[in-house]
Protein backbone atom coordinates (compact mmCIF):
# COMPACT_ATOMS: atom_id res chain seq x y z
CA MET A 1 97.16 56.67 112.21
CA THR A 2 98.55 55.93 115.67
CA ASP A 3 97.33 57.67 118.82
CA ASN A 4 100.63 59.62 119.10
CA THR A 5 100.39 60.73 115.48
CA ALA A 6 96.78 61.82 115.96
CA LYS A 7 97.71 63.83 119.08
CA LYS A 8 100.59 65.53 117.24
CA PHE A 9 98.24 66.36 114.33
CA LYS A 10 95.69 67.90 116.70
CA ILE A 11 98.36 69.95 118.47
CA SER A 12 99.79 71.05 115.14
CA SER A 13 96.32 72.01 113.86
CA LYS A 14 95.56 73.97 117.01
CA GLY A 15 98.89 75.79 116.65
CA ALA A 16 98.17 76.64 113.03
CA ILE A 17 94.69 77.93 113.89
CA LYS A 18 96.12 80.02 116.70
CA ARG A 19 98.77 81.50 114.41
CA LEU A 20 96.14 82.29 111.79
CA ALA A 21 93.93 83.92 114.42
CA ILE A 22 96.84 86.09 115.57
CA LEU A 23 97.68 86.99 111.97
CA PHE A 24 94.07 87.98 111.21
CA ALA A 25 93.95 90.02 114.41
CA ILE A 26 97.14 91.86 113.44
CA ILE A 27 95.77 92.51 109.95
CA ALA A 28 92.48 93.76 111.40
CA ILE A 29 94.27 96.10 113.81
CA ALA A 30 96.56 97.38 111.05
CA LEU A 31 93.62 97.91 108.67
CA THR A 32 91.63 99.72 111.35
CA ALA A 33 94.60 101.95 112.15
CA PHE A 34 95.11 102.71 108.45
CA LEU A 35 91.46 103.57 107.90
CA GLN A 36 91.52 105.83 110.95
CA PHE A 37 94.40 107.71 109.33
CA ALA A 38 93.04 107.58 105.78
CA VAL A 39 89.38 108.53 106.21
CA ASN A 40 88.77 109.60 109.81
CA MET A 41 89.80 113.24 109.55
CA PRO A 42 90.29 115.60 112.51
CA GLY A 43 87.66 118.13 113.50
CA SER A 44 83.94 118.10 112.83
CA GLY A 45 82.61 118.86 109.39
CA HIS A 46 79.88 121.48 109.12
CA THR A 47 76.33 120.17 108.99
CA GLY A 48 72.98 121.88 108.71
CA PRO A 49 72.10 125.23 107.14
CA LEU A 50 74.88 127.51 105.98
CA PRO A 51 75.24 130.90 107.69
CA ALA A 52 74.08 134.01 105.87
CA LEU A 53 76.38 135.06 103.06
CA THR A 54 78.54 138.07 103.93
CA ASP A 55 78.99 141.09 101.68
CA ALA A 56 82.59 140.02 101.08
CA GLN A 57 81.44 136.57 100.01
CA ARG A 58 78.85 138.06 97.64
CA SER A 59 81.56 140.16 96.03
CA ALA A 60 83.83 137.13 95.77
CA ALA A 61 81.01 135.12 94.17
CA ASP A 62 80.59 137.84 91.55
CA ARG A 63 84.32 137.82 90.77
CA LEU A 64 84.40 134.03 90.57
CA GLU A 65 81.50 133.98 88.12
CA ARG A 66 83.10 136.74 86.05
CA ASP A 67 86.39 134.85 85.80
CA VAL A 68 84.72 131.53 84.97
CA ARG A 69 82.65 133.17 82.23
CA SER A 70 85.67 135.03 80.87
CA LEU A 71 87.67 131.83 80.44
CA VAL A 72 84.78 129.80 79.04
CA GLU A 73 83.24 132.42 76.76
CA ASN A 74 86.34 134.28 75.58
CA HIS A 75 88.60 131.23 75.20
CA PRO A 76 86.57 128.27 73.91
CA GLY A 77 88.50 125.23 72.79
CA ARG A 78 91.57 126.12 74.85
CA SER A 79 93.81 123.14 74.17
CA HIS A 80 96.66 121.90 71.96
CA MET A 81 94.05 121.28 69.25
CA ALA A 82 93.64 125.05 68.79
CA PRO A 83 97.10 126.58 69.33
CA ALA A 84 96.08 130.19 68.76
CA ARG A 85 93.21 129.92 71.26
CA TYR A 86 95.48 128.14 73.73
CA THR A 87 98.04 130.93 73.53
CA ALA A 88 95.36 133.59 73.88
CA ALA A 89 94.02 131.89 77.03
CA ALA A 90 97.50 131.80 78.58
CA ASP A 91 98.09 135.47 77.73
CA SER A 92 94.73 136.41 79.22
CA LEU A 93 95.44 134.53 82.46
CA LYS A 94 98.87 136.13 82.69
CA ALA A 95 97.21 139.53 82.43
CA ALA A 96 94.65 138.51 85.07
CA LEU A 97 97.37 137.42 87.51
CA ASN A 98 99.23 140.68 86.94
CA GLN A 99 96.01 142.60 87.51
CA ALA A 100 95.51 140.64 90.72
CA GLY A 101 98.82 142.09 91.95
CA VAL A 102 100.92 138.98 91.33
CA PRO A 103 103.70 139.54 88.74
CA SER A 104 103.62 136.59 86.38
CA ASP A 105 105.25 135.13 83.31
CA LEU A 106 104.81 132.26 80.89
CA GLU A 107 106.67 128.98 81.32
CA VAL A 108 106.72 127.81 77.69
CA PHE A 109 107.71 124.23 76.90
CA GLU A 110 107.93 121.96 73.89
CA MET A 111 105.52 119.05 73.86
CA THR A 112 107.18 115.70 73.24
CA ASN A 113 104.14 113.66 72.21
CA ARG A 114 102.53 116.39 70.09
CA LYS A 115 103.89 119.10 67.81
CA GLY A 116 104.13 122.60 69.20
CA THR A 117 104.43 124.30 72.54
CA ALA A 118 102.27 124.92 75.57
CA ALA A 119 102.62 127.37 78.43
CA ASN A 120 102.09 127.44 82.18
CA VAL A 121 101.32 130.82 83.72
CA VAL A 122 103.47 131.35 86.83
CA GLY A 123 103.32 134.11 89.44
CA GLU A 124 104.65 134.45 92.97
CA VAL A 125 103.95 136.34 96.17
CA PRO A 126 107.33 136.34 97.98
CA GLY A 127 107.36 135.17 101.59
CA THR A 128 107.90 137.79 104.26
CA SER A 129 110.33 135.79 106.40
CA ARG A 130 110.97 132.44 104.67
CA PRO A 131 110.90 133.24 100.94
CA GLU A 132 112.94 130.14 100.08
CA ARG A 133 110.12 127.94 101.37
CA ILE A 134 107.46 127.61 98.65
CA VAL A 135 103.82 126.55 98.68
CA VAL A 136 102.51 125.91 95.16
CA VAL A 137 98.84 126.56 94.40
CA GLY A 138 97.96 125.21 90.96
CA ALA A 139 94.97 124.83 88.66
CA HIS A 140 94.84 123.71 85.05
CA TYR A 141 93.18 125.96 82.50
CA ASP A 142 92.93 123.69 79.45
CA ALA A 143 89.63 122.19 78.32
CA HIS A 144 88.83 118.64 77.26
CA LEU A 145 88.30 118.27 73.49
CA GLY A 146 86.88 121.74 72.98
CA MET A 147 84.28 121.47 75.74
CA PRO A 148 83.21 124.62 77.67
CA ALA A 149 84.81 123.19 80.82
CA ALA A 150 83.27 125.60 83.30
CA ASP A 151 83.74 123.34 86.30
CA ASP A 152 86.65 121.43 84.74
CA ASN A 153 88.54 123.61 85.28
CA ALA A 154 87.57 127.23 84.81
CA SER A 155 86.27 126.99 88.37
CA GLY A 156 89.72 126.05 89.67
CA ALA A 157 91.40 128.77 87.62
CA ALA A 158 88.93 131.36 88.93
CA GLY A 159 89.50 130.16 92.48
CA LEU A 160 93.26 130.50 91.99
CA LEU A 161 92.89 134.08 90.72
CA GLU A 162 90.77 134.95 93.75
CA LEU A 163 93.38 133.48 96.08
CA ALA A 164 96.11 135.42 94.27
CA ARG A 165 94.25 138.70 94.86
CA ARG A 166 94.10 138.02 98.57
CA PHE A 167 97.72 136.97 98.99
CA SER A 168 98.98 139.91 96.93
CA VAL A 169 97.70 142.31 99.61
CA SER A 170 98.43 140.04 102.58
CA PRO A 171 101.51 137.84 102.05
CA SER A 172 102.51 134.89 104.22
CA ALA A 173 105.82 133.93 105.80
CA SER A 174 106.55 131.49 102.96
CA THR A 175 106.41 132.24 99.26
CA VAL A 176 103.14 131.29 97.60
CA ARG A 177 103.51 130.40 93.92
CA PHE A 178 100.40 130.47 91.76
CA VAL A 179 100.57 128.32 88.61
CA LEU A 180 97.93 127.94 85.93
CA PHE A 181 98.88 124.68 84.25
CA ALA A 182 98.52 123.66 80.63
CA ASN A 183 97.91 120.13 79.36
CA GLU A 184 96.19 118.44 82.28
CA GLU A 185 93.54 116.86 80.06
CA PRO A 186 94.02 113.81 77.80
CA PRO A 187 96.03 113.01 75.73
CA HIS A 188 98.59 114.63 78.05
CA PHE A 189 97.19 113.35 81.34
CA MET A 190 99.75 111.48 83.45
CA THR A 191 102.51 112.02 80.86
CA GLY A 192 105.60 114.19 80.75
CA ASP A 193 103.68 116.70 78.64
CA MET A 194 101.45 117.75 81.54
CA GLY A 195 102.24 121.35 82.40
CA SER A 196 102.36 120.41 86.06
CA TYR A 197 104.85 117.62 85.34
CA VAL A 198 107.09 120.07 83.48
CA HIS A 199 106.88 122.55 86.34
CA ALA A 200 107.47 119.97 89.08
CA ALA A 201 110.49 118.63 87.18
CA GLY A 202 111.85 122.17 87.00
CA CYS A 203 111.35 122.63 90.74
CA LYS A 204 113.32 119.44 91.35
CA GLN A 205 116.10 120.41 88.94
CA ARG A 206 116.46 123.84 90.58
CA GLY A 207 116.52 122.28 94.04
CA GLU A 208 113.59 124.36 95.23
CA SER A 209 112.10 123.80 98.66
CA ILE A 210 108.48 122.96 97.81
CA ALA A 211 106.85 122.53 101.20
CA ALA A 212 103.40 121.69 99.82
CA MET A 213 101.39 121.71 96.61
CA LEU A 214 97.62 122.22 96.41
CA SER A 215 95.79 121.48 93.16
CA VAL A 216 92.52 123.40 92.85
CA GLU A 217 90.55 120.97 90.69
CA MET A 218 86.85 121.59 90.02
CA ILE A 219 85.35 123.53 92.94
CA GLY A 220 82.09 124.89 91.53
CA TYR A 221 79.48 122.13 91.36
CA PHE A 222 77.36 121.31 94.42
CA ASP A 223 74.17 119.30 94.85
CA THR A 224 72.22 119.11 98.11
CA ALA A 225 70.02 116.19 97.04
CA PRO A 226 70.52 112.83 98.77
CA GLY A 227 72.14 110.35 96.42
CA SER A 228 73.90 113.05 94.41
CA GLN A 229 77.41 111.89 95.40
CA ASP A 230 79.24 108.80 94.19
CA TYR A 231 82.67 107.33 95.04
CA PRO A 232 85.10 104.67 93.90
CA PHE A 233 85.01 101.54 96.06
CA PRO A 234 85.61 101.36 98.99
CA LEU A 235 85.19 105.08 99.74
CA SER A 236 81.40 104.83 99.44
CA LEU A 237 81.47 102.95 102.76
CA PHE A 238 82.81 105.96 104.66
CA TYR A 239 81.47 109.17 103.13
CA PRO A 240 78.08 110.92 102.72
CA ASP A 241 75.94 110.48 99.61
CA THR A 242 75.09 114.19 99.30
CA GLY A 243 77.36 116.27 97.07
CA ASP A 244 77.43 119.49 99.07
CA PHE A 245 81.05 119.43 100.30
CA VAL A 246 84.60 120.05 99.16
CA ALA A 247 87.12 117.24 99.52
CA PHE A 248 90.83 117.33 100.27
CA VAL A 249 92.44 114.35 98.56
CA GLY A 250 95.98 113.02 98.84
CA ASN A 251 98.05 109.87 98.80
CA VAL A 252 99.36 108.11 101.89
CA GLY A 253 102.66 110.02 101.80
CA SER A 254 100.78 113.32 101.87
CA GLY A 255 98.34 112.15 104.54
CA GLY A 256 99.69 114.45 107.23
CA MET A 257 99.15 117.45 104.99
CA VAL A 258 95.61 116.33 104.12
CA ARG A 259 94.74 115.98 107.80
CA ARG A 260 96.23 119.39 108.56
CA ALA A 261 94.24 120.95 105.72
CA VAL A 262 90.96 119.37 106.83
CA ARG A 263 91.49 120.44 110.44
CA THR A 264 92.24 124.01 109.38
CA PHE A 265 89.22 124.12 107.08
CA ARG A 266 86.85 122.67 109.65
CA ASP A 267 88.15 124.84 112.49
CA THR A 268 87.69 128.05 110.52
CA THR A 269 85.04 127.58 107.84
CA PRO A 270 81.33 126.76 108.25
CA PHE A 271 81.10 124.71 105.07
CA PRO A 272 80.90 120.91 104.59
CA SER A 273 84.25 119.20 104.02
CA GLU A 274 85.72 115.73 103.75
CA GLY A 275 89.24 114.36 103.46
CA VAL A 276 90.95 111.20 102.31
CA ALA A 277 94.56 109.96 102.17
CA MET A 278 94.58 106.70 100.25
CA PRO A 279 97.03 104.81 98.02
CA SER A 280 97.36 106.60 94.69
CA GLY A 281 96.22 103.48 92.81
CA ILE A 282 92.62 103.95 93.96
CA PRO A 283 90.67 105.59 91.10
CA GLY A 284 90.35 109.35 91.49
CA ILE A 285 93.02 109.83 94.14
CA GLY A 286 95.66 111.04 91.69
CA TYR A 287 93.42 112.50 88.98
CA SER A 288 94.87 116.01 88.73
CA ASP A 289 98.07 118.04 88.76
CA HIS A 290 99.06 117.00 92.28
CA TRP A 291 100.05 113.64 90.74
CA SER A 292 102.95 115.33 88.95
CA PHE A 293 104.36 116.57 92.23
CA TRP A 294 104.11 113.11 93.81
CA GLU A 295 106.14 111.85 90.86
CA HIS A 296 108.95 114.24 91.84
CA GLY A 297 108.90 113.47 95.55
CA TYR A 298 106.81 116.38 96.83
CA LYS A 299 103.86 116.32 99.21
CA ALA A 300 100.73 117.35 97.33
CA MET A 301 96.95 117.14 97.46
CA MET A 302 93.93 118.45 95.61
CA VAL A 303 90.82 120.24 96.75
CA THR A 304 87.82 119.32 94.64
CA ASP A 305 84.07 118.98 94.28
CA THR A 306 84.97 115.34 93.32
CA SER A 307 84.61 115.81 89.55
CA PHE A 308 82.70 113.05 87.71
CA TYR A 309 81.80 111.38 91.00
CA ARG A 310 79.30 114.24 91.39
CA ASN A 311 79.07 116.48 88.33
CA PRO A 312 76.97 114.84 85.56
CA HIS A 313 78.18 117.45 83.05
CA TYR A 314 81.85 116.44 83.32
CA HIS A 315 83.62 116.43 79.92
CA THR A 316 80.43 117.30 78.04
CA SER A 317 79.04 120.37 76.29
CA ARG A 318 76.76 120.85 79.31
CA ASP A 319 79.63 121.91 81.61
CA VAL A 320 78.68 125.57 81.30
CA PRO A 321 78.92 128.53 83.73
CA SER A 322 75.20 128.52 84.58
CA THR A 323 75.52 125.08 86.23
CA LEU A 324 77.90 126.29 88.94
CA ASP A 325 77.02 127.53 92.44
CA TYR A 326 79.16 130.65 92.88
CA GLU A 327 77.95 131.43 96.39
CA ARG A 328 79.00 128.03 97.69
CA MET A 329 82.17 128.34 95.66
CA ALA A 330 82.95 131.65 97.42
CA ARG A 331 82.47 130.03 100.82
CA ALA A 332 84.79 127.19 99.81
CA VAL A 333 87.46 129.61 98.57
CA ASP A 334 87.41 131.34 101.97
CA GLY A 335 88.31 128.04 103.60
CA ILE A 336 90.89 127.16 100.96
CA GLU A 337 92.59 130.50 101.59
CA ARG A 338 92.87 129.65 105.28
CA VAL A 339 94.34 126.26 104.42
CA VAL A 340 96.98 127.82 102.15
CA ARG A 341 97.83 130.42 104.82
CA ASN A 342 98.30 127.65 107.35
CA LEU A 343 100.57 125.72 105.00
CA ALA A 344 102.52 128.87 104.13
CA SER A 345 102.88 130.35 107.59
CA VAL A 346 103.92 127.34 109.70
CA ALA A 347 107.48 126.08 109.46
CA ASP A 348 108.17 122.46 108.49
């Protein structure tokens, strides 16, 4: 190699190293910025002892426990595997929504991958000034393979009924639609037979203005012991290992809504909370009915106790009403109500 060739090689190598250094720096900056958006939520989450429970929260806890027990004990095996029980559960929830002051009806649909029909239970509280603008609050009521399914998802259904009671006497500017979804569990999960997928497709076909969708997915199991909380990688690097919080979970496209929800919750509610807005391919991010709304172009998120990342009774016969913490659940529902009111009262 001649001296000139060697010099050119050194210069070329230095240029390549410099370009790589710049590229890595850009990637690092972009990754840092993304993580700031995805996991660094606004506001300060509550830490330390919880304030004394109010009389209103005690009453709410009693109603939540009553509704969880009603769904679990009066409607065991509520799934496509037991059509009569499935229908009875839907009829019972329709009656409960009506009793809560929210006129409701059944959205019956034919299943394409299984014989028979299933039904969503749909009720609305019309908006006072912008009724065409809709916030959907949903929770699935079916159970996995005949399990009791107290947390998954009688807890979410009970939370939805409690929210419906409150909005029926104090509406928001936008319409709030309460939907109890069928067919969230396998074998329907992430297929066109999910009740939420059917409903979201109908919203799209009708050209409805769905401003936001909140899936209430397992909100009753809490554990204050260190090490009680798990996560999919890489979320374990950023979040606490104690399962005493509720989490607001969305994809990147719904990140602004997640951040808004977390800020509202933290600003108004003395209860631990976390938030994440990550790509939907990360395990757990899309594991509920909010996925169906993403599929139809709507912004959506779930609020959850993080399911099997915390609750050891998930999808087993041990997921029974006595394992849930109804007082913490009542505190969480207070904050969720404030989140929904914020989403439903502020214009796009």
